[in-house]
C-alpha cells in the first residue's frame, strides 16, 4: 500500500517520499486514514514504528484547508513529555511542511530556556508542540489560547504519566473545547494509559502494532562483544577507529558516566559530545545539532535524554552500558534502522552483565550473536 492510497494529497505524498518514507509502516497504515476522517485514534506502537509521521502527515494534510483564523489560537496541539521530543516532533512537522504550497506554521515550546522568545514566535502558529509545564506558563501569560483547538495529540502518553505530568494534563484538558479530535500514542497500554483512553477517546480507531510487527529485527544487525570491564573503554575506541564510524550514538547508564566517557574519547583523538539531563537546554540542543550535522561523530547519551533523538540513516548504536530493561533496549536500538534504512546495534557485555544480558534477550525474544574479544590487541587504544 502507498501513501497515496491512504488518502493523502499529492504534496504530503511527496513530503513522505522526500523524507525517505517509501511505504507506510503498520501504524501509519492504520492511523493516517482515521486521522484524515477526523476520528479519535489510540495508537500503541514501539519506538521506530513511525508514530510521529502517522499523525503529522494527515494533520498537515487537513491544515492545508483549515488554517488558524485567530492569531495565537492554535488549531492543533501536540503534548510531549520532554524537550528533546518536542524538538524532534516539531522538526518532523517542519520537514513535511516544506513540500506544502501554503505556509503552515509549527512551533515547538518547552522549558529550560527563556520564555520570551517563544512568546514572540507564537504569533501565527497553526500547530503547537509543547511540554505540559511550558504550555501552562504560556497560557497564563496569554501568549497562546486553547479555545480553538480542534485536534489534541498525546505523544508518548506513557512517558508523560511516568514523569508525573498528570496534574498538568488535567489542567490543560480543562482549557480545551469539549468537542475535538483526540489522538493518543503510546508504547504501552498500561492501566494509567487505559484510564486516559477511557476518559479522553470517543469510539477510537485502535491501531496496535504487535511485537512481531516491529521493524527493528529486519532493519538492524545486532551483535554483542564480550569484554572485560577494564578493557571496555579501550575496546570502544578500537571499534570506533577500526570501523571508521562517522556517526555513532553511545548509550551509558548515568550522566557522570557520559561526561567521563566523552573526556576519555576526546583525550584519545575521537571527537565526542554528551547529551544528558544535567546539561542546560542550550547545551543539549547544540550537542544534538553538532551530531546531526556530522561535525562530531560520537554522541554519548543517557536513556531519558535520548528520547528525542530521531536521525534518519543513523548507522551505529552502541550500548556501552546495558540498559535497565528490555524496553529500554528496544528503544535504544530503534534509534538506528529507521525509515527503511539499515543499521548496526552493538552491545558491550562484561562478565558482570552476562546474566542481565540473557534476560534482555529472553524478554525481547532475540538471539544476539556474541563474540569474544580477548585476542584483540588494544594497546594504543
Protein backbone atom coordinates (compact mmCIF):
# COMPACT_ATOMS: atom_id res chain seq x y z
CA UNK A 1 0.00 0.00 0.00
CA UNK A 2 1.23 3.50 -0.86
CA UNK A 3 0.79 6.81 0.97
CA UNK A 4 -1.48 7.99 -1.85
CA UNK A 5 -3.76 5.00 -1.27
CA UNK A 6 -4.11 6.07 2.39
CA UNK A 7 -5.83 9.25 1.21
CA UNK A 8 -3.05 11.82 1.49
CA UNK A 9 -2.92 14.59 -1.10
CA UNK A 10 -0.01 14.84 -3.52
CA UNK A 11 2.00 17.44 -1.55
CA UNK A 12 2.04 15.17 1.50
CA UNK A 13 2.79 12.08 -0.57
CA UNK A 14 5.76 13.99 -1.98
CA UNK A 15 6.73 15.07 1.54
CA UNK A 16 6.81 11.46 2.70
CA UNK A 17 8.94 10.44 -0.28
CA UNK A 18 11.37 13.30 0.35
CA UNK A 19 11.90 12.03 3.90
CA UNK A 20 12.66 8.51 2.60
CA UNK A 21 9.34 7.01 3.63
CA UNK A 22 8.92 4.58 0.74
CA UNK A 23 6.00 2.61 2.15
CA UNK A 24 3.72 3.19 5.13
CA UNK A 25 4.55 1.34 8.32
CA UNK A 26 1.80 -0.64 10.08
CA UNK A 27 0.97 2.19 12.49
CA UNK A 28 0.82 4.67 9.59
CA UNK A 29 -1.46 2.41 7.57
CA UNK A 30 -3.88 2.22 10.47
CA UNK A 31 -3.72 5.80 11.75
CA UNK A 32 -3.49 8.03 8.67
CA UNK A 33 -6.92 7.26 7.15
CA UNK A 34 -8.59 7.58 10.58
CA UNK A 35 -6.92 10.94 11.33
CA UNK A 36 -7.91 12.25 7.89
CA UNK A 37 -11.53 11.34 8.66
CA UNK A 38 -11.40 13.22 11.96
CA UNK A 39 -11.73 10.10 14.10
CA UNK A 40 -10.12 9.60 17.51
CA UNK A 41 -7.14 7.25 17.42
CA UNK A 42 -5.42 5.06 20.01
CA UNK A 43 -2.01 4.07 18.65
CA UNK A 44 0.09 1.53 20.53
CA UNK A 45 3.46 1.08 18.88
CA UNK A 46 7.10 0.93 19.86
CA UNK A 47 9.91 3.35 19.10
CA UNK A 48 10.95 3.28 15.47
CA UNK A 49 7.47 2.37 14.19
CA UNK A 50 6.78 5.74 12.55
CA UNK A 51 4.27 7.13 15.07
CA UNK A 52 5.12 10.80 14.53
CA UNK A 53 4.58 10.66 10.78
CA UNK A 54 1.38 8.69 11.41
CA UNK A 55 -0.26 11.81 12.80
CA UNK A 56 1.91 14.62 11.34
CA UNK A 57 1.20 13.77 7.70
CA UNK A 58 -2.62 13.68 7.94
CA UNK A 59 -2.79 16.71 10.27
CA UNK A 60 -0.73 18.76 7.84
CA UNK A 61 -2.89 17.49 5.01
CA UNK A 62 -6.01 18.78 6.75
CA UNK A 63 -4.30 22.02 7.76
CA UNK A 64 -3.99 22.98 4.09
CA UNK A 65 -7.67 23.88 4.11
CA UNK A 66 -8.16 24.58 7.81
CA UNK A 67 -5.78 27.30 8.95
CA UNK A 68 -5.96 29.06 12.33
CA UNK A 69 -8.14 32.15 11.79
CA UNK A 70 -7.43 33.91 15.11
CA UNK A 71 -3.87 34.85 16.00
CA UNK A 72 -2.43 32.83 18.91
CA UNK A 73 -5.42 30.47 18.83
CA UNK A 74 -3.82 27.21 17.66
CA UNK A 75 -5.80 24.52 15.85
CA UNK A 76 -3.57 21.53 16.63
CA UNK A 77 -1.91 20.87 19.99
CA UNK A 78 0.68 18.12 20.42
CA UNK A 79 1.73 17.35 24.01
CA UNK A 80 5.03 15.55 24.60
CA UNK A 81 6.96 14.66 27.79
CA UNK A 82 10.45 16.02 27.06
CA UNK A 83 12.21 18.96 25.47
CA UNK A 84 14.08 16.71 23.06
CA UNK A 85 10.90 15.04 21.84
CA UNK A 86 9.28 18.46 21.36
CA UNK A 87 12.17 19.48 19.11
CA UNK A 88 12.05 16.17 17.25
CA UNK A 89 8.30 16.29 16.61
CA UNK A 90 8.49 19.94 15.63
CA UNK A 91 11.21 19.14 13.12
CA UNK A 92 9.10 16.34 11.60
CA UNK A 93 6.23 18.76 11.03
CA UNK A 94 8.61 21.37 9.58
CA UNK A 95 10.29 18.88 7.23
CA UNK A 96 6.95 17.76 5.83
CA UNK A 97 5.64 21.34 5.67
CA UNK A 98 8.34 22.36 3.21
CA UNK A 99 6.51 20.45 0.48
CA UNK A 100 3.14 22.13 1.03
CA UNK A 101 2.28 25.06 -1.28
CA UNK A 102 0.80 27.17 1.53
CA UNK A 103 2.63 28.16 4.71
CA UNK A 104 1.62 26.21 7.81
CA UNK A 105 3.46 27.33 10.92
CA UNK A 106 4.57 24.79 13.51
CA UNK A 107 6.30 25.79 16.72
CA UNK A 108 7.86 23.66 19.48
CA UNK A 109 7.88 25.14 23.01
CA UNK A 110 9.46 23.71 26.15
CA UNK A 111 11.00 24.68 29.47
CA UNK A 112 14.64 25.13 30.35
CA UNK A 113 15.04 28.15 28.07
CA UNK A 114 13.79 31.75 28.17
CA UNK A 115 10.03 32.02 27.67
CA UNK A 116 10.10 35.45 25.99
CA UNK A 117 11.38 34.36 22.54
CA UNK A 118 8.78 31.58 22.50
CA UNK A 119 6.02 34.07 23.36
CA UNK A 120 7.03 36.26 20.40
CA UNK A 121 7.29 33.35 17.96
CA UNK A 122 3.81 32.05 18.81
CA UNK A 123 2.22 34.67 16.58
CA UNK A 124 0.66 32.98 13.54
CA UNK A 125 1.19 29.43 14.82
CA UNK A 126 -1.16 26.75 13.46
CA UNK A 127 0.35 23.66 15.09
CA UNK A 128 1.87 23.83 18.57
CA UNK A 129 4.13 21.12 20.00
CA UNK A 130 4.61 21.60 23.73
CA UNK A 131 5.69 20.13 27.02
CA UNK A 132 2.88 20.50 29.60
CA UNK A 133 4.58 22.84 32.07
CA UNK A 134 5.75 25.37 29.49
CA UNK A 135 2.35 25.31 27.76
CA UNK A 136 0.61 26.27 31.00
CA UNK A 137 3.12 29.09 31.51
CA UNK A 138 2.34 30.43 28.05
CA UNK A 139 -1.41 30.16 28.61
CA UNK A 140 -1.08 32.03 31.89
CA UNK A 141 0.86 34.77 30.09
CA UNK A 142 -1.91 34.90 27.43
CA UNK A 143 0.69 34.20 24.77
CA UNK A 144 -1.43 31.35 23.42
CA UNK A 145 -5.09 30.36 23.65
CA UNK A 146 -6.53 26.85 23.50
CA UNK A 147 -10.21 27.63 22.86
CA UNK A 148 -9.94 26.82 19.12
CA UNK A 149 -8.00 23.54 19.40
CA UNK A 150 -9.61 21.01 17.07
CA UNK A 151 -7.10 18.18 17.45
CA UNK A 152 -5.20 17.15 20.57
CA UNK A 153 -2.29 14.70 20.28
CA UNK A 154 -0.74 13.00 23.30
CA UNK A 155 2.56 11.53 22.11
CA UNK A 156 4.38 9.05 24.38
CA UNK A 157 1.49 9.23 26.83
CA UNK A 158 3.05 6.51 28.98
CA UNK A 159 6.19 8.62 29.46
CA UNK A 160 4.15 11.69 30.38
CA UNK A 161 2.38 9.75 33.09
CA UNK A 162 5.60 8.14 34.34
CA UNK A 163 7.26 11.56 34.57
CA UNK A 164 4.43 12.90 36.72
CA UNK A 165 2.51 15.17 34.37
CA UNK A 166 -0.97 14.01 35.46
CA UNK A 167 -1.92 17.29 37.15
CA UNK A 168 -0.64 19.46 34.29
CA UNK A 169 -2.50 17.31 31.78
CA UNK A 170 -5.74 17.68 33.76
CA UNK A 171 -5.32 21.47 33.77
CA UNK A 172 -4.71 21.55 30.02
CA UNK A 173 -7.67 19.30 29.22
CA UNK A 174 -9.92 21.63 31.20
CA UNK A 175 -8.89 24.52 28.91
CA UNK A 176 -9.70 22.71 25.65
CA UNK A 177 -13.03 22.65 23.77
CA UNK A 178 -15.05 19.56 24.67
CA UNK A 179 -15.71 18.82 21.02
CA UNK A 180 -12.40 17.93 19.41
CA UNK A 181 -10.41 15.09 17.85
CA UNK A 182 -8.11 13.21 20.25
CA UNK A 183 -5.10 11.16 19.20
CA UNK A 184 -3.27 9.15 21.85
CA UNK A 185 0.00 7.41 21.03
CA UNK A 186 1.94 5.27 23.48
CA UNK A 187 4.49 2.46 23.50
CA UNK A 188 2.44 0.56 26.10
CA UNK A 189 -1.17 0.24 27.18
CA UNK A 190 -0.85 0.05 30.95
CA UNK A 191 -3.56 0.89 33.48
CA UNK A 192 -2.72 4.61 33.53
CA UNK A 193 -2.85 4.93 29.75
CA UNK A 194 -6.02 2.85 29.67
CA UNK A 195 -7.63 5.24 32.16
CA UNK A 196 -6.82 8.24 29.96
CA UNK A 197 -8.09 6.36 26.92
CA UNK A 198 -11.43 5.69 28.55
CA UNK A 199 -11.99 9.33 29.53
CA UNK A 200 -10.41 11.02 26.50
CA UNK A 201 -11.22 8.97 23.42
CA UNK A 202 -14.62 8.55 21.78
CA UNK A 203 -15.11 5.44 19.61
CA UNK A 204 -11.42 5.45 18.67
CA UNK A 205 -9.74 3.66 15.83
CA UNK A 206 -7.38 1.32 17.69
CA UNK A 207 -4.05 0.76 15.95
CA UNK A 208 -1.83 -1.66 17.81
CA UNK A 209 1.46 -2.81 16.38
CA UNK A 210 2.29 -6.15 17.92
CA UNK A 211 5.82 -7.14 18.85
CA UNK A 212 6.15 -9.30 15.77
CA UNK A 213 5.28 -6.31 13.57
CA UNK A 214 8.22 -4.28 14.77
CA UNK A 215 10.59 -3.13 12.06
CA UNK A 216 13.67 -3.46 14.25
CA UNK A 217 14.70 -7.08 13.58
CA UNK A 218 14.64 -6.74 9.79
CA UNK A 219 16.41 -3.39 9.64
CA UNK A 220 19.09 -3.77 12.29
CA UNK A 221 22.10 -6.04 12.60
CA UNK A 222 22.61 -6.83 16.30
CA UNK A 223 25.86 -8.06 17.76
CA UNK A 224 27.41 -8.31 21.23
CA UNK A 225 31.07 -8.23 22.21
CA UNK A 226 32.22 -9.96 25.41
CA UNK A 227 34.79 -7.73 27.04
CA UNK A 228 36.40 -7.47 30.46
CA UNK A 229 35.43 -4.37 32.44
CA UNK A 230 38.91 -2.83 32.39
CA UNK A 231 39.12 -3.28 28.60
CA UNK A 232 35.69 -1.79 27.82
CA UNK A 233 36.87 1.79 27.27
CA UNK A 234 39.80 0.86 25.01
CA UNK A 235 37.59 -1.59 23.10
CA UNK A 236 35.02 1.13 22.41
CA UNK A 237 37.74 3.36 20.99
CA UNK A 238 39.06 0.41 18.98
CA UNK A 239 35.61 -0.20 17.47
CA UNK A 240 35.08 3.42 16.51
CA UNK A 241 38.51 3.75 14.91
CA UNK A 242 38.79 0.33 13.28
CA UNK A 243 35.30 0.51 11.75
CA UNK A 244 35.84 4.18 10.84
CA UNK A 245 32.48 5.11 12.37
CA UNK A 246 31.41 8.56 11.20
CA UNK A 247 28.22 8.76 13.27
CA UNK A 248 27.62 6.63 16.35
CA UNK A 249 25.26 7.02 19.29
CA UNK A 250 26.69 5.57 22.52
CA UNK A 251 24.37 4.80 25.44
CA UNK A 252 25.52 4.94 29.06
CA UNK A 253 23.76 4.46 32.38
CA UNK A 254 24.36 7.81 34.11
CA UNK A 255 25.15 11.47 33.49
CA UNK A 256 28.58 11.41 35.18
CA UNK A 257 29.47 8.34 33.14
CA UNK A 258 28.54 10.18 29.94
CA UNK A 259 30.82 13.11 30.75
CA UNK A 260 33.66 10.79 31.80
CA UNK A 261 33.39 8.78 28.57
CA UNK A 262 33.39 11.94 26.43
CA UNK A 263 36.59 13.06 28.17
CA UNK A 264 38.25 9.68 27.55
CA UNK A 265 37.23 9.67 23.88
CA UNK A 266 38.40 13.25 23.35
CA UNK A 267 41.75 12.54 25.03
CA UNK A 268 42.23 9.71 22.56
CA UNK A 269 41.54 11.76 19.44
CA UNK A 270 37.83 10.98 18.99
CA UNK A 271 35.51 13.99 18.94
CA UNK A 272 32.50 13.40 21.19
CA UNK A 273 29.76 15.31 23.00
CA UNK A 274 27.43 14.31 25.83
CA UNK A 275 23.65 14.57 25.99
CA UNK A 276 22.04 14.20 29.41
CA UNK A 277 19.62 15.87 31.81
CA UNK A 278 22.40 17.57 33.74
CA UNK A 279 23.15 19.90 30.83
CA UNK A 280 21.28 23.11 30.02
CA UNK A 281 18.76 23.04 27.20
CA UNK A 282 21.07 25.18 25.09
CA UNK A 283 23.95 22.76 25.56
CA UNK A 284 21.74 19.77 24.79
CA UNK A 285 20.40 21.38 21.62
CA UNK A 286 23.91 22.31 20.49
CA UNK A 287 25.23 18.78 21.14
CA UNK A 288 22.44 17.18 19.15
CA UNK A 289 22.86 19.70 16.33
CA UNK A 290 26.62 19.03 16.09
CA UNK A 291 25.95 15.29 15.96
CA UNK A 292 23.13 15.54 13.41
CA UNK A 293 25.26 17.68 11.09
CA UNK A 294 28.19 15.27 11.33
CA UNK A 295 30.52 17.80 12.93
CA UNK A 296 31.02 15.46 15.90
CA UNK A 297 30.99 11.72 15.15
CA UNK A 298 30.12 10.42 18.65
CA UNK A 299 27.17 11.35 20.84
CA UNK A 300 27.18 9.85 24.34
CA UNK A 301 23.68 9.85 25.83
CA UNK A 302 21.60 8.62 28.73
CA UNK A 303 18.24 6.95 28.09
CA UNK A 304 15.98 9.83 29.09
CA UNK A 305 17.92 12.44 27.14
CA UNK A 306 17.92 10.26 24.03
CA UNK A 307 14.11 10.18 23.82
CA UNK A 308 14.18 12.98 21.28
CA UNK A 309 16.90 11.62 19.01
CA UNK A 310 15.50 10.76 15.60
CA UNK A 311 18.10 10.70 12.84
CA UNK A 312 17.32 9.08 9.52
CA UNK A 313 20.07 6.65 8.46
CA UNK A 314 21.96 6.71 11.78
CA UNK A 315 24.38 3.83 11.07
CA UNK A 316 25.55 2.77 14.54
CA UNK A 317 24.24 2.48 18.09
CA UNK A 318 26.47 1.14 20.86
CA UNK A 319 25.23 0.02 24.27
CA UNK A 320 28.34 0.87 26.28
CA UNK A 321 26.33 0.11 29.42
CA UNK A 322 23.48 -2.38 29.35
CA UNK A 323 20.00 -0.85 29.57
CA UNK A 324 17.98 -1.34 32.72
CA UNK A 325 15.11 -3.07 30.92
CA UNK A 326 14.23 -4.84 27.70
CA UNK A 327 12.01 -1.87 26.75
CA UNK A 328 14.98 0.44 27.01
CA UNK A 329 16.96 -1.96 24.84
CA UNK A 330 14.30 -1.78 22.12
CA UNK A 331 14.20 1.99 22.40
CA UNK A 332 17.97 2.29 22.11
CA UNK A 333 18.49 0.10 19.09
CA UNK A 334 15.42 1.67 17.48
CA UNK A 335 17.45 4.87 17.04
CA UNK A 336 19.13 3.17 14.07
CA UNK A 337 17.50 1.31 11.18
CA UNK A 338 14.75 3.92 10.80
CA UNK A 339 12.70 4.77 7.70
CA UNK A 340 13.73 1.51 5.99
CA UNK A 341 17.47 2.23 6.44
CA UNK A 342 19.82 -0.42 7.78
CA UNK A 343 21.85 -0.02 10.94
CA UNK A 344 24.06 -1.81 13.41
CA UNK A 345 23.37 -2.15 17.13
CA UNK A 346 26.38 -3.17 19.22
CA UNK A 347 26.27 -4.19 22.88
CA UNK A 348 29.33 -4.45 25.12
CA UNK A 349 28.86 -7.21 27.69
CA UNK A 350 31.14 -7.58 30.70
CA UNK A 351 31.18 -10.73 32.87
CA UNK A 352 29.06 -8.84 35.42
CA UNK A 353 26.50 -8.10 32.69
CA UNK A 354 26.17 -11.64 31.35
CA UNK A 355 23.12 -12.71 33.36
CA UNK A 356 21.22 -9.48 32.73
CA UNK A 357 22.02 -9.67 29.02
CA UNK A 358 20.46 -13.15 28.88
CA UNK A 359 17.31 -11.72 30.46
CA UNK A 360 17.17 -8.91 27.89
CA UNK A 361 17.46 -11.43 25.06
CA UNK A 362 14.75 -13.62 26.55
CA UNK A 363 12.31 -10.74 27.09
CA UNK A 364 12.89 -9.30 23.63
CA UNK A 365 12.79 -12.76 22.02
CA UNK A 366 16.18 -12.25 20.43
CA UNK A 367 19.25 -14.39 19.98
CA UNK A 368 22.08 -11.90 19.66
CA UNK A 369 25.40 -13.35 18.45
CA UNK A 370 28.28 -12.68 20.83
CA UNK A 371 31.98 -12.51 20.01
CA UNK A 372 34.95 -12.88 22.33
CA UNK A 373 37.45 -10.01 22.33
CA UNK A 374 40.29 -11.44 24.44
CA UNK A 375 42.56 -11.90 21.43
CA UNK A 376 42.17 -8.32 20.18
CA UNK A 377 45.26 -6.24 20.92
CA UNK A 378 44.05 -2.97 22.46
CA UNK A 379 47.48 -1.48 23.03
CA UNK A 380 47.39 2.13 21.92
CA UNK A 381 43.63 2.45 22.28
